[in-house]
Every structure is written in structure tokens, then in C-alpha cells.
């Protein structure tokens, strides 16, 4: 009887969180999946469309461009953000005066709202009096660039702004991972004559496997749903050069009132993330 009472009490404690999770996560997910099979402007009656929203998406050149940009962002994140954050973590893991300050200094941009980052970098990229063009002119370099107005350069310019903000979090993860590597293992490698580079690639990195799983998974998910810095700087322009699946979803849903079409983009985003992330984590973590 006492066990049954404790069992019921446990469920009662879980009930509030379960209701909130059900109402703000589970129900909206299934409702979005439902809406994606209809043509709807958010006001009039639902018109069943079957799979036509999904079929039309893959015929849509802008959506294909958005997928391409998301894939480019993933590659840039894995090679740029992860490499930079790992390098910073290695440096800041050493004992030197002021390392705590520099850890906070490099992590600080991660706590700034994405839209605020976009506003900061909009001023930096300003073609007339922005920091970059003014600095180039000051040192005598005659190269004035409209960084976020150029279809060729805008995506990479936005990534630099995002890199400035996003480098802090993986850096903290890598710092935590580096501090879990046993000192005695590294000391044994030194005695055996292993160089710094060999110790890093043969001992340190393999022993940080779980950290890399977390960082890579977070970077891929972040690259798939990147939104605020894009909207704040270019809103997907110029000429859809920086369009992402998230920004295209927003445009279709809230600007053009194609709610069913926009929701279909959201469903595909979730599917793409699951297709990439779940097998990766299962493989790297050695789970069946």
C-alpha cells in the first residue's frame, strides 16, 4: 500500500511538467504535421493538399538554394567554428596569468541575443562608415566592399558574424573535455618520447570522444535552424543568396500567409535534423 502511494505521488509530481511539455511541444509538433498537408492562409478554411506542399518544395528553386546554404553553413561550422573553438580551448587550458578573464572574454558573445549580434555587425559591415571598410582605408588598402549586399560575399560575411557569437559555447565544452584527460596518461606519453602534436592527436582527441559528439551535434542542429542573425542582417537577401530553410519558412508563413507551405518546410527541417543527428550520435557514442 505504501509503495502504491509513493508511486502515485511520483506521478503527481511529474504531472505539471508533463502537461507543459505535452501542450507546448508534443501537441504543436503533431498539429504542425497536420497543417503541412493543407493549403491554408491562416484565416480561411483548410484545403486538403496531400503531399503537394512537399512535392512543390523540392521543385522550388529558392528552397533548393536554402538547403544548399544550410549545407554550406554546416560545413563552415564544422571546420570553422569547431576548429577555432578547439584551438582557443587548447590555449586557454594552459596555465598563464589572466586565462580566466580571456575565457570569459571569448565566451561573452555567446550570451548576446542573436538579433543584437546582427545589429552590431550591420554597423561593422556598413559600406560607407563601417569598421572594416574604414580600417582598410586607414591602412591604405583601396578595397571597399558591400559585404552583406553582395550575393557572392554575403553568406560568408554573415557566417563571420555568427562565428564571433557562437565560438564561446563549444570552447567551454572543449575546455571541460580537455580537463578530463588524465595527466598521468600524458606524462607517460612524454616519457615515451611523444611530441606535443602526437600526444594531442593520438591521446587527447580520442579521449574527448563524448565532447566531440556533443559539439558536432550542437553545431549541426544550430546550422540547420540558424535564423536570427540572418534575419537581422539580410533577411535572406540579396536575391535569396542567404536564404535558409528557417528564413524561407518564416517568409512563407508570416509574410505571404502560405501557412501550410511554411509548415511543410518546418517538418522537413525536423526530418533533416533527425536524419543527420540520430545516426551520427548512435554511431559515435557506440549505441545500438
Protein backbone atom coordinates (compact mmCIF):
# COMPACT_ATOMS: atom_id res chain seq x y z
CA UNK A 1 0.00 0.00 0.00
CA UNK A 2 2.83 2.38 0.93
CA UNK A 3 4.63 1.57 -2.34
CA UNK A 4 1.47 2.30 -4.35
CA UNK A 5 1.04 5.61 -2.53
CA UNK A 6 4.66 6.62 -3.29
CA UNK A 7 4.14 5.59 -6.92
CA UNK A 8 1.07 7.80 -7.24
CA UNK A 9 2.88 10.67 -5.51
CA UNK A 10 5.75 10.41 -8.02
CA UNK A 11 3.33 10.66 -10.94
CA UNK A 12 1.63 13.67 -9.35
CA UNK A 13 4.98 15.46 -9.12
CA UNK A 14 5.65 14.67 -12.79
CA UNK A 15 2.17 15.76 -13.90
CA UNK A 16 2.75 19.57 -14.14
CA UNK A 17 5.92 19.17 -16.20
CA UNK A 18 4.21 16.52 -18.33
CA UNK A 19 1.23 18.78 -19.05
CA UNK A 20 3.50 21.70 -20.00
CA UNK A 21 5.67 19.51 -22.24
CA UNK A 22 2.61 17.98 -23.87
CA UNK A 23 0.96 21.33 -24.52
CA UNK A 24 3.98 23.33 -25.77
CA UNK A 25 5.98 20.58 -27.56
CA UNK A 26 4.10 17.39 -28.42
CA UNK A 27 0.74 18.87 -29.45
CA UNK A 28 2.27 21.69 -31.59
CA UNK A 29 4.55 19.19 -33.34
CA UNK A 30 1.68 16.94 -34.39
CA UNK A 31 -0.52 19.95 -35.23
CA UNK A 32 2.24 21.31 -37.48
CA UNK A 33 2.50 17.94 -39.19
CA UNK A 34 -1.27 18.03 -39.71
CA UNK A 35 -1.21 21.58 -41.15
CA UNK A 36 1.59 20.68 -43.58
CA UNK A 37 -0.88 18.54 -45.58
CA UNK A 38 -3.19 21.50 -46.25
CA UNK A 39 -3.26 24.74 -48.18
CA UNK A 40 -4.12 27.44 -45.67
CA UNK A 41 -3.57 31.15 -45.29
CA UNK A 42 -4.18 31.12 -41.54
CA UNK A 43 -7.70 32.55 -41.80
CA UNK A 44 -9.87 30.73 -44.32
CA UNK A 45 -10.91 27.08 -44.29
CA UNK A 46 -8.30 24.36 -44.62
CA UNK A 47 -7.97 22.89 -48.10
CA UNK A 48 -6.51 19.40 -48.15
CA UNK A 49 -3.44 19.22 -50.40
CA UNK A 50 -1.92 15.85 -49.55
CA UNK A 51 1.78 15.74 -50.28
CA UNK A 52 1.65 18.61 -52.80
CA UNK A 53 3.32 21.07 -50.39
CA UNK A 54 6.31 18.75 -50.02
CA UNK A 55 6.45 17.99 -53.76
CA UNK A 56 6.31 21.69 -54.64
CA UNK A 57 9.08 22.44 -52.17
CA UNK A 58 11.55 20.23 -53.99
CA UNK A 59 10.54 21.92 -57.25
CA UNK A 60 11.06 25.34 -55.67
CA UNK A 61 14.49 26.77 -56.67
CA UNK A 62 14.53 29.06 -53.62
CA UNK A 63 14.01 26.13 -51.26
CA UNK A 64 16.78 24.18 -53.01
CA UNK A 65 19.01 27.23 -52.59
CA UNK A 66 18.08 27.35 -48.90
CA UNK A 67 19.05 23.70 -48.45
CA UNK A 68 22.36 24.38 -50.22
CA UNK A 69 23.04 27.34 -47.92
CA UNK A 70 22.25 25.26 -44.85
CA UNK A 71 24.70 22.58 -46.01
CA UNK A 72 27.38 25.22 -46.62
CA UNK A 73 26.71 26.59 -43.13
CA UNK A 74 27.11 23.09 -41.65
CA UNK A 75 30.48 22.64 -43.38
CA UNK A 76 31.65 26.10 -42.28
CA UNK A 77 30.52 25.38 -38.71
CA UNK A 78 32.29 22.03 -38.53
CA UNK A 79 35.54 23.32 -39.97
CA UNK A 80 35.48 26.96 -38.87
CA UNK A 81 33.64 27.11 -35.56
CA UNK A 82 34.80 23.75 -34.22
CA UNK A 83 38.45 24.25 -35.22
CA UNK A 84 38.56 27.79 -33.82
CA UNK A 85 36.86 26.87 -30.56
CA UNK A 86 39.13 23.84 -30.10
CA UNK A 87 42.22 25.98 -30.71
CA UNK A 88 41.06 28.56 -28.19
CA UNK A 89 40.28 25.83 -25.67
CA UNK A 90 43.77 24.35 -26.03
CA UNK A 91 45.35 27.78 -25.48
CA UNK A 92 43.09 28.71 -22.57
CA UNK A 93 43.64 25.34 -20.92
CA UNK A 94 47.28 26.28 -20.27
CA UNK A 95 48.37 27.96 -17.04
CA UNK A 96 49.06 31.68 -17.60
CA UNK A 97 48.09 34.92 -15.93
CA UNK A 98 44.65 36.20 -16.92
CA UNK A 99 43.33 32.99 -18.50
CA UNK A 100 40.05 33.27 -16.52
CA UNK A 101 39.50 36.73 -17.97
CA UNK A 102 40.12 35.52 -21.51
CA UNK A 103 37.78 32.57 -21.01
CA UNK A 104 35.02 34.98 -20.07
CA UNK A 105 36.04 37.39 -22.84
CA UNK A 106 35.69 34.80 -25.60
CA UNK A 107 32.54 33.29 -24.08
CA UNK A 108 30.77 36.63 -23.61
CA UNK A 109 29.38 36.96 -27.19
CA UNK A 110 27.53 33.65 -26.69
CA UNK A 111 25.18 35.29 -24.17
CA UNK A 112 24.26 38.16 -26.52
CA UNK A 113 20.95 37.83 -28.34
CA UNK A 114 21.34 36.89 -31.99
CA UNK A 115 19.43 39.94 -33.22
CA UNK A 116 21.76 42.20 -31.18
CA UNK A 117 24.74 40.48 -32.82
CA UNK A 118 23.17 41.19 -36.20
CA UNK A 119 22.77 44.90 -35.36
CA UNK A 120 26.40 45.14 -34.17
CA UNK A 121 27.72 43.53 -37.33
CA UNK A 122 25.40 45.58 -39.55
CA UNK A 123 27.35 48.63 -38.39
CA UNK A 124 30.67 46.82 -38.82
CA UNK A 125 29.76 45.86 -42.41
CA UNK A 126 28.33 49.26 -43.34
CA UNK A 127 29.84 50.08 -46.78
CA UNK A 128 30.21 53.84 -46.07
CA UNK A 129 31.39 54.15 -42.47
CA UNK A 130 31.65 50.56 -41.24
CA UNK A 131 34.63 49.43 -39.19
CA UNK A 132 36.05 47.06 -41.83
CA UNK A 133 35.97 49.43 -44.79
CA UNK A 134 37.20 52.36 -42.65
CA UNK A 135 40.10 50.26 -41.33
CA UNK A 136 41.06 49.19 -44.85
CA UNK A 137 41.02 52.82 -45.97
CA UNK A 138 43.07 53.86 -42.93
CA UNK A 139 45.88 51.43 -43.73
CA UNK A 140 45.83 52.45 -47.39
CA UNK A 141 44.03 49.47 -48.89
CA UNK A 142 41.75 50.64 -51.69
CA UNK A 143 39.14 47.93 -51.32
CA UNK A 144 35.60 48.97 -50.47
CA UNK A 145 33.12 46.09 -50.28
CA UNK A 146 29.38 45.98 -49.69
CA UNK A 147 29.78 42.93 -47.52
CA UNK A 148 26.16 41.97 -46.92
CA UNK A 149 24.82 43.41 -50.20
CA UNK A 150 26.96 41.20 -52.42
CA UNK A 151 25.37 37.86 -53.39
CA UNK A 152 28.83 36.29 -53.58
CA UNK A 153 30.13 37.51 -50.19
CA UNK A 154 27.02 37.94 -48.03
CA UNK A 155 26.66 34.36 -46.79
CA UNK A 156 30.30 34.19 -45.68
CA UNK A 157 30.13 37.66 -44.13
CA UNK A 158 27.13 36.59 -42.06
CA UNK A 159 28.94 33.43 -41.01
CA UNK A 160 31.83 35.53 -39.64
CA UNK A 161 29.31 37.42 -37.51
CA UNK A 162 27.77 34.14 -36.34
CA UNK A 163 31.22 32.71 -35.66
CA UNK A 164 32.01 35.64 -33.37
CA UNK A 165 28.93 34.79 -31.33
CA UNK A 166 28.95 31.01 -31.47
CA UNK A 167 32.60 30.21 -30.75
CA UNK A 168 32.21 30.54 -26.98
CA UNK A 169 29.91 27.62 -26.21
CA UNK A 170 31.92 24.86 -27.96
CA UNK A 171 35.05 26.39 -26.47
CA UNK A 172 33.64 25.78 -22.97
CA UNK A 173 32.73 22.20 -23.92
CA UNK A 174 36.25 21.58 -25.21
CA UNK A 175 37.77 23.13 -22.10
CA UNK A 176 35.74 20.76 -19.95
CA UNK A 177 36.78 17.84 -22.17
CA UNK A 178 40.46 18.75 -22.03
CA UNK A 179 40.36 18.80 -18.24
CA UNK A 180 39.05 15.23 -18.14
CA UNK A 181 42.11 13.84 -19.93
CA UNK A 182 44.22 12.11 -17.23
CA UNK A 183 47.54 13.84 -16.62
CA UNK A 184 49.30 10.52 -15.94
CA UNK A 185 48.49 9.31 -19.47
CA UNK A 186 50.02 12.45 -21.00
CA UNK A 187 53.05 12.20 -18.71
CA UNK A 188 53.57 8.57 -19.76
CA UNK A 189 53.46 9.67 -23.41
CA UNK A 190 56.08 12.36 -22.69
CA UNK A 191 58.35 9.74 -21.11
CA UNK A 192 57.89 7.57 -24.22
CA UNK A 193 59.09 10.50 -26.32
CA UNK A 194 55.78 11.51 -27.94
CA UNK A 195 55.74 15.05 -29.31
CA UNK A 196 53.06 17.63 -28.40
CA UNK A 197 51.32 17.13 -31.73
CA UNK A 198 51.33 13.35 -31.44
CA UNK A 199 50.02 13.47 -27.87
CA UNK A 200 47.22 15.80 -28.97
CA UNK A 201 46.03 13.73 -31.94
CA UNK A 202 46.71 10.22 -30.56
CA UNK A 203 45.74 10.67 -26.91
CA UNK A 204 43.82 13.89 -26.21
CA UNK A 205 41.36 13.90 -29.11
CA UNK A 206 40.36 10.19 -28.84
CA UNK A 207 39.78 10.65 -25.09
CA UNK A 208 37.45 13.59 -25.83
CA UNK A 209 35.13 11.50 -27.97
CA UNK A 210 31.99 12.33 -25.97
CA UNK A 211 32.82 16.04 -26.10
CA UNK A 212 33.14 15.94 -29.88
CA UNK A 213 29.78 14.14 -30.11
CA UNK A 214 28.09 16.94 -28.17
CA UNK A 215 29.85 19.77 -30.03
CA UNK A 216 29.29 18.37 -33.53
CA UNK A 217 25.65 17.56 -32.80
CA UNK A 218 25.05 21.08 -31.45
CA UNK A 219 26.81 22.70 -34.40
CA UNK A 220 24.81 20.72 -36.96
CA UNK A 221 21.50 21.46 -35.25
CA UNK A 222 22.46 25.13 -34.92
CA UNK A 223 23.41 25.30 -38.60
CA UNK A 224 20.10 23.73 -39.63
CA UNK A 225 17.99 26.20 -37.65
CA UNK A 226 20.11 29.38 -37.94
CA UNK A 227 17.70 32.28 -38.17
CA UNK A 228 18.11 35.45 -36.12
CA UNK A 229 21.50 36.62 -37.39
CA UNK A 230 20.33 36.03 -41.00
CA UNK A 231 17.08 37.93 -40.48
CA UNK A 232 18.86 40.77 -38.73
CA UNK A 233 21.48 41.25 -41.44
CA UNK A 234 19.91 40.33 -44.79
CA UNK A 235 16.51 38.65 -44.20
CA UNK A 236 17.55 36.07 -46.79
CA UNK A 237 18.74 38.53 -49.42
CA UNK A 238 20.23 39.81 -51.57
CA UNK A 239 18.40 37.91 -54.29
CA UNK A 240 17.90 34.95 -51.89
CA UNK A 241 21.68 34.48 -51.64
CA UNK A 242 21.48 33.97 -47.86
CA UNK A 243 18.11 32.25 -47.71
CA UNK A 244 17.97 29.42 -45.18
CA UNK A 245 15.22 26.90 -44.56
CA UNK A 246 14.27 28.74 -41.38
CA UNK A 247 14.11 32.17 -43.04
CA UNK A 248 12.20 30.79 -46.02
CA UNK A 249 9.78 29.11 -43.62
CA UNK A 250 9.26 32.43 -41.84
CA UNK A 251 8.73 34.30 -45.11
CA UNK A 252 6.21 31.82 -46.47
CA UNK A 253 4.29 31.57 -43.20
CA UNK A 254 4.19 35.14 -41.93
CA UNK A 255 4.88 37.35 -44.96
CA UNK A 256 2.99 35.53 -47.69
CA UNK A 257 0.46 33.69 -45.45
CA UNK A 258 1.27 30.31 -47.00
CA UNK A 259 0.91 28.60 -43.65
CA UNK A 260 0.67 25.06 -45.00
CA UNK A 261 3.68 25.57 -47.26
CA UNK A 262 5.73 27.15 -44.47
CA UNK A 263 4.79 24.40 -42.04
CA UNK A 264 5.90 21.79 -44.57
CA UNK A 265 9.33 23.47 -44.55
CA UNK A 266 9.39 23.20 -40.74
CA UNK A 267 8.53 19.49 -40.92
CA UNK A 268 11.32 18.87 -43.42
CA UNK A 269 13.76 20.77 -41.20
CA UNK A 270 12.96 18.43 -38.30
CA UNK A 271 13.28 15.36 -40.54
CA UNK A 272 16.63 16.52 -41.96
CA UNK A 273 18.00 17.17 -38.47
CA UNK A 274 16.88 13.75 -37.25
CA UNK A 275 18.34 12.04 -40.32
CA UNK A 276 21.72 13.65 -39.70
CA UNK A 277 21.93 13.77 -35.91
CA UNK A 278 20.42 10.47 -34.73
CA UNK A 279 22.66 8.13 -36.81
CA UNK A 280 25.71 10.26 -36.01
CA UNK A 281 25.17 10.11 -32.25
CA UNK A 282 24.34 6.41 -32.35
CA UNK A 283 27.48 5.65 -34.36
CA UNK A 284 29.88 7.88 -32.42
CA UNK A 285 28.58 7.01 -29.00
CA UNK A 286 28.66 3.29 -29.82
CA UNK A 287 24.98 2.76 -29.05
CA UNK A 288 22.91 0.12 -30.72
